[in-house]
PDB file of N, CA and C in Angstrom:
ATOM      1  N   UNK A   1      47.505  94.175  29.291  1.00  0.00           N
ATOM      2  CA  UNK A   1      46.644  93.278  28.557  1.00  0.00           C
ATOM      3  C   UNK A   1      45.840  94.091  27.539  1.00  0.00           C
ATOM      4  N   UNK A   2      45.753  93.586  26.333  1.00  0.00           N
ATOM      5  CA  UNK A   2      45.032  94.276  25.273  1.00  0.00           C
ATOM      6  C   UNK A   2      43.526  94.221  25.512  1.00  0.00           C
ATOM      7  N   UNK A   3      42.852  95.317  25.229  1.00  0.00           N
ATOM      8  CA  UNK A   3      41.396  95.334  25.310  1.00  0.00           C
ATOM      9  C   UNK A   3      40.813  94.589  24.122  1.00  0.00           C
ATOM     10  N   UNK A   4      39.642  93.997  24.341  1.00  0.00           N
ATOM     11  CA  UNK A   4      38.907  93.362  23.250  1.00  0.00           C
ATOM     12  C   UNK A   4      37.528  93.998  23.180  1.00  0.00           C
ATOM     13  N   UNK A   5      36.894  93.841  22.044  1.00  0.00           N
ATOM     14  CA  UNK A   5      35.544  94.369  21.892  1.00  0.00           C
ATOM     15  C   UNK A   5      34.534  93.341  22.419  1.00  0.00           C
ATOM     16  N   UNK A   6      33.303  93.793  22.628  1.00  0.00           N
ATOM     17  CA  UNK A   6      32.256  92.874  23.042  1.00  0.00           C
ATOM     18  C   UNK A   6      32.043  91.803  21.978  1.00  0.00           C
ATOM     19  N   UNK A   7      32.166  92.178  20.704  1.00  0.00           N
ATOM     20  CA  UNK A   7      32.040  91.197  19.624  1.00  0.00           C
ATOM     21  C   UNK A   7      33.107  90.111  19.733  1.00  0.00           C
ATOM     22  N   UNK A   8      34.334  90.495  20.148  1.00  0.00           N
ATOM     23  CA  UNK A   8      35.387  89.499  20.367  1.00  0.00           C
ATOM     24  C   UNK A   8      34.983  88.537  21.479  1.00  0.00           C
ATOM     25  N   UNK A   9      34.450  89.069  22.569  1.00  0.00           N
ATOM     26  CA  UNK A   9      33.997  88.238  23.686  1.00  0.00           C
ATOM     27  C   UNK A   9      32.937  87.237  23.219  1.00  0.00           C
ATOM     28  N   UNK A  10      32.018  87.686  22.375  1.00  0.00           N
ATOM     29  CA  UNK A  10      30.943  86.811  21.907  1.00  0.00           C
ATOM     30  C   UNK A  10      31.448  85.649  21.064  1.00  0.00           C
ATOM     31  N   UNK A  11      32.651  85.755  20.531  1.00  0.00           N
ATOM     32  CA  UNK A  11      33.227  84.663  19.739  1.00  0.00           C
ATOM     33  C   UNK A  11      33.611  83.469  20.605  1.00  0.00           C
ATOM     34  N   UNK A  12      33.843  83.708  21.893  1.00  0.00           N
ATOM     35  CA  UNK A  12      34.220  82.626  22.803  1.00  0.00           C
ATOM     36  C   UNK A  12      32.939  81.983  23.338  1.00  0.00           C
ATOM     37  N   UNK A  13      32.738  80.722  22.994  1.00  0.00           N
ATOM     38  CA  UNK A  13      31.524  80.007  23.383  1.00  0.00           C
ATOM     39  C   UNK A  13      31.800  79.204  24.659  1.00  0.00           C
ATOM     40  N   UNK A  14      31.374  79.754  25.796  1.00  0.00           N
ATOM     41  CA  UNK A  14      31.548  79.100  27.097  1.00  0.00           C
ATOM     42  C   UNK A  14      30.208  78.506  27.499  1.00  0.00           C
ATOM     43  N   UNK A  15      30.213  77.197  27.728  1.00  0.00           N
ATOM     44  CA  UNK A  15      28.979  76.483  28.083  1.00  0.00           C
ATOM     45  C   UNK A  15      29.150  75.721  29.389  1.00  0.00           C
ATOM     46  N   UNK A  16      28.029  75.408  30.008  1.00  0.00           N
ATOM     47  CA  UNK A  16      28.035  74.580  31.204  1.00  0.00           C
ATOM     48  C   UNK A  16      27.735  73.143  30.793  1.00  0.00           C
ATOM     49  N   UNK A  17      28.515  72.238  31.355  1.00  0.00           N
ATOM     50  CA  UNK A  17      28.311  70.821  31.104  1.00  0.00           C
ATOM     51  C   UNK A  17      28.414  70.047  32.402  1.00  0.00           C
ATOM     52  N   UNK A  18      27.985  68.792  32.355  1.00  0.00           N
ATOM     53  CA  UNK A  18      28.054  67.926  33.534  1.00  0.00           C
ATOM     54  C   UNK A  18      29.012  66.778  33.221  1.00  0.00           C
ATOM     55  N   UNK A  19      29.983  66.578  34.106  1.00  0.00           N
ATOM     56  CA  UNK A  19      30.941  65.489  33.942  1.00  0.00           C
ATOM     57  C   UNK A  19      30.202  64.169  34.128  1.00  0.00           C
ATOM     58  N   UNK A  20      30.245  63.323  33.082  1.00  0.00           N
ATOM     59  CA  UNK A  20      29.546  62.038  33.140  1.00  0.00           C
ATOM     60  C   UNK A  20      30.504  60.866  33.337  1.00  0.00           C
ATOM     61  N   UNK A  21      31.778  61.112  33.059  1.00  0.00           N
ATOM     62  CA  UNK A  21      32.798  60.066  33.226  1.00  0.00           C
ATOM     63  C   UNK A  21      34.132  60.749  33.451  1.00  0.00           C
ATOM     64  N   UNK A  22      34.960  60.177  34.304  1.00  0.00           N
ATOM     65  CA  UNK A  22      36.295  60.717  34.550  1.00  0.00           C
ATOM     66  C   UNK A  22      37.215  59.568  34.937  1.00  0.00           C
ATOM     67  N   UNK A  23      38.457  59.677  34.484  1.00  0.00           N
ATOM     68  CA  UNK A  23      39.440  58.647  34.829  1.00  0.00           C
ATOM     69  C   UNK A  23      40.840  59.247  34.862  1.00  0.00           C
ATOM     70  N   UNK A  24      41.723  58.635  35.618  1.00  0.00           N
ATOM     71  CA  UNK A  24      43.094  59.144  35.678  1.00  0.00           C
ATOM     72  C   UNK A  24      43.740  59.125  34.290  1.00  0.00           C
ATOM     73  N   UNK A  25      44.711  60.008  34.092  1.00  0.00           N
ATOM     74  CA  UNK A  25      45.463  60.053  32.837  1.00  0.00           C
ATOM     75  C   UNK A  25      46.952  59.952  33.187  1.00  0.00           C
ATOM     76  N   UNK A  26      47.401  58.745  33.573  1.00  0.00           N
ATOM     77  CA  UNK A  26      48.780  58.580  34.029  1.00  0.00           C
ATOM     78  C   UNK A  26      49.826  58.805  32.937  1.00  0.00           C
ATOM     79  N   UNK A  27      49.438  58.714  31.674  1.00  0.00           N
ATOM     80  CA  UNK A  27      50.397  58.911  30.578  1.00  0.00           C
ATOM     81  C   UNK A  27      50.724  60.382  30.333  1.00  0.00           C
ATOM     82  N   UNK A  28      49.959  61.293  30.912  1.00  0.00           N
ATOM     83  CA  UNK A  28      50.193  62.728  30.713  1.00  0.00           C
ATOM     84  C   UNK A  28      51.533  63.135  31.351  1.00  0.00           C
ATOM     85  N   UNK A  29      52.169  64.174  30.781  1.00  0.00           N
ATOM     86  CA  UNK A  29      53.442  64.671  31.328  1.00  0.00           C
ATOM     87  C   UNK A  29      53.281  65.149  32.767  1.00  0.00           C
ATOM     88  N   UNK A  30      52.183  65.861  33.041  1.00  0.00           N
ATOM     89  CA  UNK A  30      51.856  66.304  34.396  1.00  0.00           C
ATOM     90  C   UNK A  30      50.585  65.579  34.815  1.00  0.00           C
ATOM     91  N   UNK A  31      50.427  65.288  36.105  1.00  0.00           N
ATOM     92  CA  UNK A  31      49.220  64.566  36.546  1.00  0.00           C
ATOM     93  C   UNK A  31      47.942  65.229  36.024  1.00  0.00           C
ATOM     94  N   UNK A  32      47.067  64.428  35.451  1.00  0.00           N
ATOM     95  CA  UNK A  32      45.845  64.954  34.850  1.00  0.00           C
ATOM     96  C   UNK A  32      44.716  63.944  34.977  1.00  0.00           C
ATOM     97  N   UNK A  33      43.524  64.416  34.671  1.00  0.00           N
ATOM     98  CA  UNK A  33      42.329  63.570  34.671  1.00  0.00           C
ATOM     99  C   UNK A  33      41.621  63.761  33.330  1.00  0.00           C
ATOM    100  N   UNK A  34      41.229  62.639  32.718  1.00  0.00           N
ATOM    101  CA  UNK A  34      40.413  62.686  31.502  1.00  0.00           C
ATOM    102  C   UNK A  34      38.954  62.783  31.924  1.00  0.00           C
ATOM    103  N   UNK A  35      38.221  63.667  31.233  1.00  0.00           N
ATOM    104  CA  UNK A  35      36.799  63.848  31.545  1.00  0.00           C
ATOM    105  C   UNK A  35      35.963  63.791  30.278  1.00  0.00           C
ATOM    106  N   UNK A  36      34.787  63.214  30.403  1.00  0.00           N
ATOM    107  CA  UNK A  36      33.772  63.239  29.359  1.00  0.00           C
ATOM    108  C   UNK A  36      32.635  64.077  29.919  1.00  0.00           C
ATOM    109  N   UNK A  37      32.276  65.136  29.193  1.00  0.00           N
ATOM    110  CA  UNK A  37      31.332  66.127  29.706  1.00  0.00           C
ATOM    111  C   UNK A  37      30.126  66.217  28.776  1.00  0.00           C
ATOM    112  N   UNK A  38      28.940  66.119  29.360  1.00  0.00           N
ATOM    113  CA  UNK A  38      27.685  66.238  28.602  1.00  0.00           C
ATOM    114  C   UNK A  38      27.287  67.707  28.538  1.00  0.00           C
ATOM    115  N   UNK A  39      27.171  68.237  27.306  1.00  0.00           N
ATOM    116  CA  UNK A  39      26.756  69.622  27.096  1.00  0.00           C
ATOM    117  C   UNK A  39      25.339  69.713  26.548  1.00  0.00           C
ATOM    118  N   UNK A  40      24.552  68.676  26.698  1.00  0.00           N
ATOM    119  CA  UNK A  40      23.157  68.711  26.275  1.00  0.00           C
ATOM    120  C   UNK A  40      22.967  68.328  24.825  1.00  0.00           C
ATOM    121  N   UNK A  41      21.719  68.444  24.381  1.00  0.00           N
ATOM    122  CA  UNK A  41      21.331  67.978  23.045  1.00  0.00           C
ATOM    123  C   UNK A  41      22.064  68.691  21.916  1.00  0.00           C
ATOM    124  N   UNK A  42      22.297  69.990  22.044  1.00  0.00           N
ATOM    125  CA  UNK A  42      22.902  70.755  20.951  1.00  0.00           C
ATOM    126  C   UNK A  42      24.351  70.343  20.676  1.00  0.00           C
ATOM    127  N   UNK A  43      25.146  70.165  21.722  1.00  0.00           N
ATOM    128  CA  UNK A  43      26.575  69.869  21.562  1.00  0.00           C
ATOM    129  C   UNK A  43      26.945  68.424  21.875  1.00  0.00           C
ATOM    130  N   UNK A  44      26.135  67.751  22.664  1.00  0.00           N
ATOM    131  CA  UNK A  44      26.427  66.370  23.017  1.00  0.00           C
ATOM    132  C   UNK A  44      27.571  66.240  24.011  1.00  0.00           C
ATOM    133  N   UNK A  45      28.216  65.091  23.963  1.00  0.00           N
ATOM    134  CA  UNK A  45      29.299  64.789  24.898  1.00  0.00           C
ATOM    135  C   UNK A  45      30.650  65.138  24.266  1.00  0.00           C
ATOM    136  N   UNK A  46      31.491  65.811  25.037  1.00  0.00           N
ATOM    137  CA  UNK A  46      32.835  66.192  24.600  1.00  0.00           C
ATOM    138  C   UNK A  46      33.826  65.713  25.648  1.00  0.00           C
ATOM    139  N   UNK A  47      35.066  65.495  25.228  1.00  0.00           N
ATOM    140  CA  UNK A  47      36.079  65.027  26.171  1.00  0.00           C
ATOM    141  C   UNK A  47      37.203  66.042  26.307  1.00  0.00           C
ATOM    142  N   UNK A  48      37.884  65.958  27.456  1.00  0.00           N
ATOM    143  CA  UNK A  48      38.993  66.857  27.733  1.00  0.00           C
ATOM    144  C   UNK A  48      39.928  66.204  28.742  1.00  0.00           C
ATOM    145  N   UNK A  49      41.110  66.768  28.838  1.00  0.00           N
ATOM    146  CA  UNK A  49      42.083  66.377  29.845  1.00  0.00           C
ATOM    147  C   UNK A  49      42.449  67.637  30.614  1.00  0.00           C
ATOM    148  N   UNK A  50      42.519  67.537  31.939  1.00  0.00           N
ATOM    149  CA  UNK A  50      42.821  68.722  32.744  1.00  0.00           C
ATOM    150  C   UNK A  50      43.724  68.360  33.915  1.00  0.00           C
ATOM    151  N   UNK A  51      44.621  69.279  34.236  1.00  0.00           N
ATOM    152  CA  UNK A  51      45.546  69.104  35.363  1.00  0.00           C
ATOM    153  C   UNK A  51      44.877  69.615  36.641  1.00  0.00           C
ATOM    154  N   UNK A  52      43.965  68.818  37.151  1.00  0.00           N
ATOM    155  CA  UNK A  52      43.162  69.220  38.311  1.00  0.00           C
ATOM    156  C   UNK A  52      43.293  68.243  39.477  1.00  0.00           C
ATOM    157  N   UNK A  53      44.357  67.448  39.475  1.00  0.00           N
ATOM    158  CA  UNK A  53      44.486  66.377  40.468  1.00  0.00           C
ATOM    159  C   UNK A  53      44.748  66.865  41.890  1.00  0.00           C
ATOM    160  N   UNK A  54      45.154  68.108  42.080  1.00  0.00           N
ATOM    161  CA  UNK A  54      45.406  68.616  43.428  1.00  0.00           C
ATOM    162  C   UNK A  54      44.121  68.695  44.251  1.00  0.00           C
ATOM    163  N   UNK A  55      42.998  68.999  43.584  1.00  0.00           N
ATOM    164  CA  UNK A  55      41.739  69.187  44.308  1.00  0.00           C
ATOM    165  C   UNK A  55      40.653  68.182  43.952  1.00  0.00           C
ATOM    166  N   UNK A  56      40.871  67.394  42.900  1.00  0.00           N
ATOM    167  CA  UNK A  56      39.796  66.519  42.426  1.00  0.00           C
ATOM    168  C   UNK A  56      40.309  65.112  42.148  1.00  0.00           C
ATOM    169  N   UNK A  57      39.447  64.159  42.403  1.00  0.00           N
ATOM    170  CA  UNK A  57      39.657  62.773  41.980  1.00  0.00           C
ATOM    171  C   UNK A  57      38.634  62.502  40.883  1.00  0.00           C
ATOM    172  N   UNK A  58      38.856  61.486  40.062  1.00  0.00           N
ATOM    173  CA  UNK A  58      37.844  61.168  39.050  1.00  0.00           C
ATOM    174  C   UNK A  58      36.453  60.960  39.660  1.00  0.00           C
ATOM    175  N   UNK A  59      36.406  60.292  40.802  1.00  0.00           N
ATOM    176  CA  UNK A  59      35.111  60.008  41.439  1.00  0.00           C
ATOM    177  C   UNK A  59      34.415  61.295  41.878  1.00  0.00           C
ATOM    178  N   UNK A  60      35.174  62.255  42.336  1.00  0.00           N
ATOM    179  CA  UNK A  60      34.588  63.525  42.804  1.00  0.00           C
ATOM    180  C   UNK A  60      34.080  64.377  41.633  1.00  0.00           C
ATOM    181  N   UNK A  61      34.661  64.191  40.457  1.00  0.00           N
ATOM    182  CA  UNK A  61      34.266  65.002  39.306  1.00  0.00           C
ATOM    183  C   UNK A  61      32.952  64.557  38.670  1.00  0.00           C
ATOM    184  N   UNK A  62      32.668  63.266  38.712  1.00  0.00           N
ATOM    185  CA  UNK A  62      31.453  62.760  38.066  1.00  0.00           C
ATOM    186  C   UNK A  62      30.235  63.405  38.716  1.00  0.00           C
ATOM    187  N   UNK A  63      29.393  64.011  37.882  1.00  0.00           N
ATOM    188  CA  UNK A  63      28.187  64.693  38.343  1.00  0.00           C
ATOM    189  C   UNK A  63      28.371  66.194  38.520  1.00  0.00           C
ATOM    190  N   UNK A  64      29.615  66.662  38.529  1.00  0.00           N
ATOM    191  CA  UNK A  64      29.905  68.077  38.752  1.00  0.00           C
ATOM    192  C   UNK A  64      29.621  68.888  37.489  1.00  0.00           C
ATOM    193  N   UNK A  65      29.006  70.065  37.658  1.00  0.00           N
ATOM    194  CA  UNK A  65      28.821  70.992  36.546  1.00  0.00           C
ATOM    195  C   UNK A  65      30.056  71.885  36.437  1.00  0.00           C
ATOM    196  N   UNK A  66      30.570  72.023  35.214  1.00  0.00           N
ATOM    197  CA  UNK A  66      31.763  72.822  34.957  1.00  0.00           C
ATOM    198  C   UNK A  66      31.525  73.725  33.750  1.00  0.00           C
ATOM    199  N   UNK A  67      32.319  74.785  33.667  1.00  0.00           N
ATOM    200  CA  UNK A  67      32.287  75.659  32.497  1.00  0.00           C
ATOM    201  C   UNK A  67      33.448  75.302  31.592  1.00  0.00           C
ATOM    202  N   UNK A  68      33.212  75.384  30.279  1.00  0.00           N
ATOM    203  CA  UNK A  68      34.256  75.056  29.314  1.00  0.00           C
ATOM    204  C   UNK A  68      34.078  75.877  28.040  1.00  0.00           C
ATOM    205  N   UNK A  69      35.199  76.188  27.408  1.00  0.00           N
ATOM    206  CA  UNK A  69      35.180  76.780  26.070  1.00  0.00           C
ATOM    207  C   UNK A  69      34.967  75.621  25.112  1.00  0.00           C
ATOM    208  N   UNK A  70      33.914  75.709  24.301  1.00  0.00           N
ATOM    209  CA  UNK A  70      33.551  74.581  23.440  1.00  0.00           C
ATOM    210  C   UNK A  70      33.842  74.829  21.963  1.00  0.00           C
ATOM    211  N   UNK A  71      34.373  76.015  21.620  1.00  0.00           N
ATOM    212  CA  UNK A  71      34.597  76.274  20.203  1.00  0.00           C
ATOM    213  C   UNK A  71      36.073  76.484  19.839  1.00  0.00           C
ATOM    214  N   UNK A  72      36.992  75.948  20.650  1.00  0.00           N
ATOM    215  CA  UNK A  72      38.392  75.840  20.234  1.00  0.00           C
ATOM    216  C   UNK A  72      38.523  74.597  19.367  1.00  0.00           C
ATOM    217  N   UNK A  73      39.498  74.563  18.461  1.00  0.00           N
ATOM    218  CA  UNK A  73      39.711  73.321  17.711  1.00  0.00           C
ATOM    219  C   UNK A  73      40.234  72.225  18.650  1.00  0.00           C
ATOM    220  N   UNK A  74      39.951  70.962  18.345  1.00  0.00           N
ATOM    221  CA  UNK A  74      40.471  69.868  19.177  1.00  0.00           C
ATOM    222  C   UNK A  74      41.994  69.950  19.255  1.00  0.00           C
ATOM    223  N   UNK A  75      42.534  69.469  20.400  1.00  0.00           N
ATOM    224  CA  UNK A  75      43.979  69.540  20.622  1.00  0.00           C
ATOM    225  C   UNK A  75      44.465  68.198  21.169  1.00  0.00           C
ATOM    226  N   UNK A  76      45.512  67.689  20.564  1.00  0.00           N
ATOM    227  CA  UNK A  76      46.094  66.423  20.999  1.00  0.00           C
ATOM    228  C   UNK A  76      46.890  66.643  22.289  1.00  0.00           C
ATOM    229  N   UNK A  77      46.522  65.932  23.350  1.00  0.00           N
ATOM    230  CA  UNK A  77      47.225  65.989  24.633  1.00  0.00           C
ATOM    231  C   UNK A  77      47.787  64.584  24.854  1.00  0.00           C
ATOM    232  N   UNK A  78      49.028  64.375  24.472  1.00  0.00           N
ATOM    233  CA  UNK A  78      49.594  63.030  24.512  1.00  0.00           C
ATOM    234  C   UNK A  78      48.835  62.150  23.543  1.00  0.00           C
ATOM    235  N   UNK A  79      48.316  61.028  24.038  1.00  0.00           N
ATOM    236  CA  UNK A  79      47.539  60.106  23.193  1.00  0.00           C
ATOM    237  C   UNK A  79      46.041  60.396  23.240  1.00  0.00           C
ATOM    238  N   UNK A  80      45.658  61.482  23.871  1.00  0.00           N
ATOM    239  CA  UNK A  80      44.243  61.807  24.104  1.00  0.00           C
ATOM    240  C   UNK A  80      43.880  63.087  23.353  1.00  0.00           C
ATOM    241  N   UNK A  81      42.760  63.063  22.628  1.00  0.00           N
ATOM    242  CA  UNK A  81      42.294  64.235  21.903  1.00  0.00           C
ATOM    243  C   UNK A  81      41.334  65.026  22.786  1.00  0.00           C
ATOM    244  N   UNK A  82      41.725  66.246  23.142  1.00  0.00           N
ATOM    245  CA  UNK A  82      40.905  67.115  23.976  1.00  0.00           C
ATOM    246  C   UNK A  82      40.035  67.990  23.070  1.00  0.00           C
ATOM    247  N   UNK A  83      38.723  67.986  23.331  1.00  0.00           N
ATOM    248  CA  UNK A  83      37.777  68.691  22.469  1.00  0.00           C
ATOM    249  C   UNK A  83      37.285  70.014  23.050  1.00  0.00           C
ATOM    250  N   UNK A  84      37.431  70.201  24.354  1.00  0.00           N
ATOM    251  CA  UNK A  84      37.004  71.438  25.014  1.00  0.00           C
ATOM    252  C   UNK A  84      38.055  71.832  26.041  1.00  0.00           C
ATOM    253  N   UNK A  85      37.988  73.082  26.502  1.00  0.00           N
ATOM    254  CA  UNK A  85      38.889  73.578  27.538  1.00  0.00           C
ATOM    255  C   UNK A  85      38.073  73.910  28.775  1.00  0.00           C
ATOM    256  N   UNK A  86      38.198  73.079  29.825  1.00  0.00           N
ATOM    257  CA  UNK A  86      37.504  73.399  31.069  1.00  0.00           C
ATOM    258  C   UNK A  86      38.187  74.601  31.710  1.00  0.00           C
ATOM    259  N   UNK A  87      37.397  75.399  32.415  1.00  0.00           N
ATOM    260  CA  UNK A  87      37.906  76.640  32.984  1.00  0.00           C
ATOM    261  C   UNK A  87      38.128  76.500  34.484  1.00  0.00           C
ATOM    262  N   UNK A  88      39.174  77.136  34.963  1.00  0.00           N
ATOM    263  CA  UNK A  88      39.493  77.102  36.369  1.00  0.00           C
ATOM    264  C   UNK A  88      40.279  78.331  36.777  1.00  0.00           C
ATOM    265  N   UNK A  89      40.428  78.486  38.064  1.00  0.00           N
ATOM    266  CA  UNK A  89      41.179  79.595  38.654  1.00  0.00           C
ATOM    267  C   UNK A  89      42.251  79.005  39.560  1.00  0.00           C
ATOM    268  N   UNK A  90      43.408  79.679  39.690  1.00  0.00           N
ATOM    269  CA  UNK A  90      44.442  79.154  40.581  1.00  0.00           C
ATOM    270  C   UNK A  90      44.114  79.447  42.040  1.00  0.00           C
ATOM    271  N   UNK A  91      44.390  78.468  42.896  1.00  0.00           N
ATOM    272  CA  UNK A  91      44.276  78.718  44.336  1.00  0.00           C
ATOM    273  C   UNK A  91      45.557  79.419  44.800  1.00  0.00           C
ATOM    274  N   UNK A  92      45.751  79.580  46.098  1.00  0.00           N
ATOM    275  CA  UNK A  92      46.914  80.284  46.638  1.00  0.00           C
ATOM    276  C   UNK A  92      48.233  79.600  46.268  1.00  0.00           C
ATOM    277  N   UNK A  93      48.185  78.304  45.965  1.00  0.00           N
ATOM    278  CA  UNK A  93      49.386  77.560  45.585  1.00  0.00           C
ATOM    279  C   UNK A  93      49.518  77.388  44.076  1.00  0.00           C
ATOM    280  N   UNK A  94      48.608  77.999  43.315  1.00  0.00           N
ATOM    281  CA  UNK A  94      48.650  77.881  41.864  1.00  0.00           C
ATOM    282  C   UNK A  94      47.967  76.642  41.308  1.00  0.00           C
ATOM    283  N   UNK A  95      47.305  75.870  42.153  1.00  0.00           N
ATOM    284  CA  UNK A  95      46.593  74.665  41.699  1.00  0.00           C
ATOM    285  C   UNK A  95      45.204  75.042  41.180  1.00  0.00           C
ATOM    286  N   UNK A  96      44.740  74.325  40.178  1.00  0.00           N
ATOM    287  CA  UNK A  96      43.486  74.664  39.503  1.00  0.00           C
ATOM    288  C   UNK A  96      42.259  74.281  40.328  1.00  0.00           C
ATOM    289  N   UNK A  97      41.357  75.268  40.471  1.00  0.00           N
ATOM    290  CA  UNK A  97      40.032  75.063  41.053  1.00  0.00           C
ATOM    291  C   UNK A  97      39.041  75.309  39.919  1.00  0.00           C
ATOM    292  N   UNK A  98      38.245  74.313  39.593  1.00  0.00           N
ATOM    293  CA  UNK A  98      37.322  74.427  38.465  1.00  0.00           C
ATOM    294  C   UNK A  98      36.250  75.486  38.698  1.00  0.00           C
ATOM    295  N   UNK A  99      35.807  76.092  37.603  1.00  0.00           N
ATOM    296  CA  UNK A  99      34.768  77.107  37.636  1.00  0.00           C
ATOM    297  C   UNK A  99      33.449  76.456  37.215  1.00  0.00           C
ATOM    298  N   UNK A 100      32.402  76.740  37.977  1.00  0.00           N
ATOM    299  CA  UNK A 100      31.083  76.216  37.649  1.00  0.00           C
ATOM    300  C   UNK A 100      30.023  77.042  38.336  1.00  0.00           C
ATOM    301  N   UNK A 101      28.767  76.826  37.996  1.00  0.00           N
ATOM    302  CA  UNK A 101      27.678  77.579  38.629  1.00  0.00           C
ATOM    303  C   UNK A 101      27.551  77.204  40.107  1.00  0.00           C
ATOM    304  N   UNK A 102      27.066  78.159  40.903  1.00  0.00           N
ATOM    305  CA  UNK A 102      26.911  77.869  42.327  1.00  0.00           C
ATOM    306  C   UNK A 102      25.562  77.235  42.657  1.00  0.00           C
ATOM    307  N   UNK A 103      24.743  77.030  41.634  1.00  0.00           N
ATOM    308  CA  UNK A 103      23.534  76.233  41.776  1.00  0.00           C
ATOM    309  C   UNK A 103      23.270  75.556  40.445  1.00  0.00           C
ATOM    310  N   UNK A 104      22.464  74.504  40.457  1.00  0.00           N
ATOM    311  CA  UNK A 104      22.219  73.726  39.246  1.00  0.00           C
ATOM    312  C   UNK A 104      21.568  74.590  38.162  1.00  0.00           C
ATOM    313  N   UNK A 105      22.085  74.469  36.949  1.00  0.00           N
ATOM    314  CA  UNK A 105      21.533  75.162  35.785  1.00  0.00           C
ATOM    315  C   UNK A 105      21.389  74.152  34.660  1.00  0.00           C
ATOM    316  N   UNK A 106      20.564  74.440  33.649  1.00  0.00           N
ATOM    317  CA  UNK A 106      20.396  73.488  32.553  1.00  0.00           C
ATOM    318  C   UNK A 106      21.713  73.242  31.795  1.00  0.00           C
ATOM    319  N   UNK A 107      21.993  71.991  31.540  1.00  0.00           N
ATOM    320  CA  UNK A 107      23.185  71.602  30.786  1.00  0.00           C
ATOM    321  C   UNK A 107      23.153  72.237  29.407  1.00  0.00           C
ATOM    322  N   UNK A 108      24.319  72.735  28.984  1.00  0.00           N
ATOM    323  CA  UNK A 108      24.443  73.337  27.663  1.00  0.00           C
ATOM    324  C   UNK A 108      24.248  74.848  27.644  1.00  0.00           C
ATOM    325  N   UNK A 109      23.846  75.438  28.769  1.00  0.00           N
ATOM    326  CA  UNK A 109      23.625  76.879  28.816  1.00  0.00           C
ATOM    327  C   UNK A 109      24.904  77.642  28.499  1.00  0.00           C
ATOM    328  N   UNK A 110      24.743  78.763  27.805  1.00  0.00           N
ATOM    329  CA  UNK A 110      25.890  79.573  27.387  1.00  0.00           C
ATOM    330  C   UNK A 110      26.129  80.725  28.378  1.00  0.00           C
ATOM    331  N   UNK A 111      27.394  80.952  28.684  1.00  0.00           N
ATOM    332  CA  UNK A 111      27.774  82.064  29.557  1.00  0.00           C
ATOM    333  C   UNK A 111      27.418  83.377  28.881  1.00  0.00           C
ATOM    334  N   UNK A 112      26.827  84.285  29.651  1.00  0.00           N
ATOM    335  CA  UNK A 112      26.582  85.632  29.135  1.00  0.00           C
ATOM    336  C   UNK A 112      26.632  86.622  30.282  1.00  0.00           C
TER     337      UNK A 112
END
């Protein structure tokens, strides 16, 4: 893997947001959930689609704090425009486990 500089790292804007709405995305090629995430006053609400159905239901996601890259360009995922990339790690079976703070933090905070 290529090394990057600290300045390169600073270009990636990772923020904490709270899922305010989530619903199934049955039209996706792989099972996914659509999420609307509140990133606070500065960034507002952004939407995304994520393949997280192995561990999460839409109902379980609402209220959850998650980390996301907020400065990628929007990307069309089927008929849904994804505005941020939520972050996760693979479990032992390769299924996504979302990354978030282990205690409540202010919405919109930037990873550092």
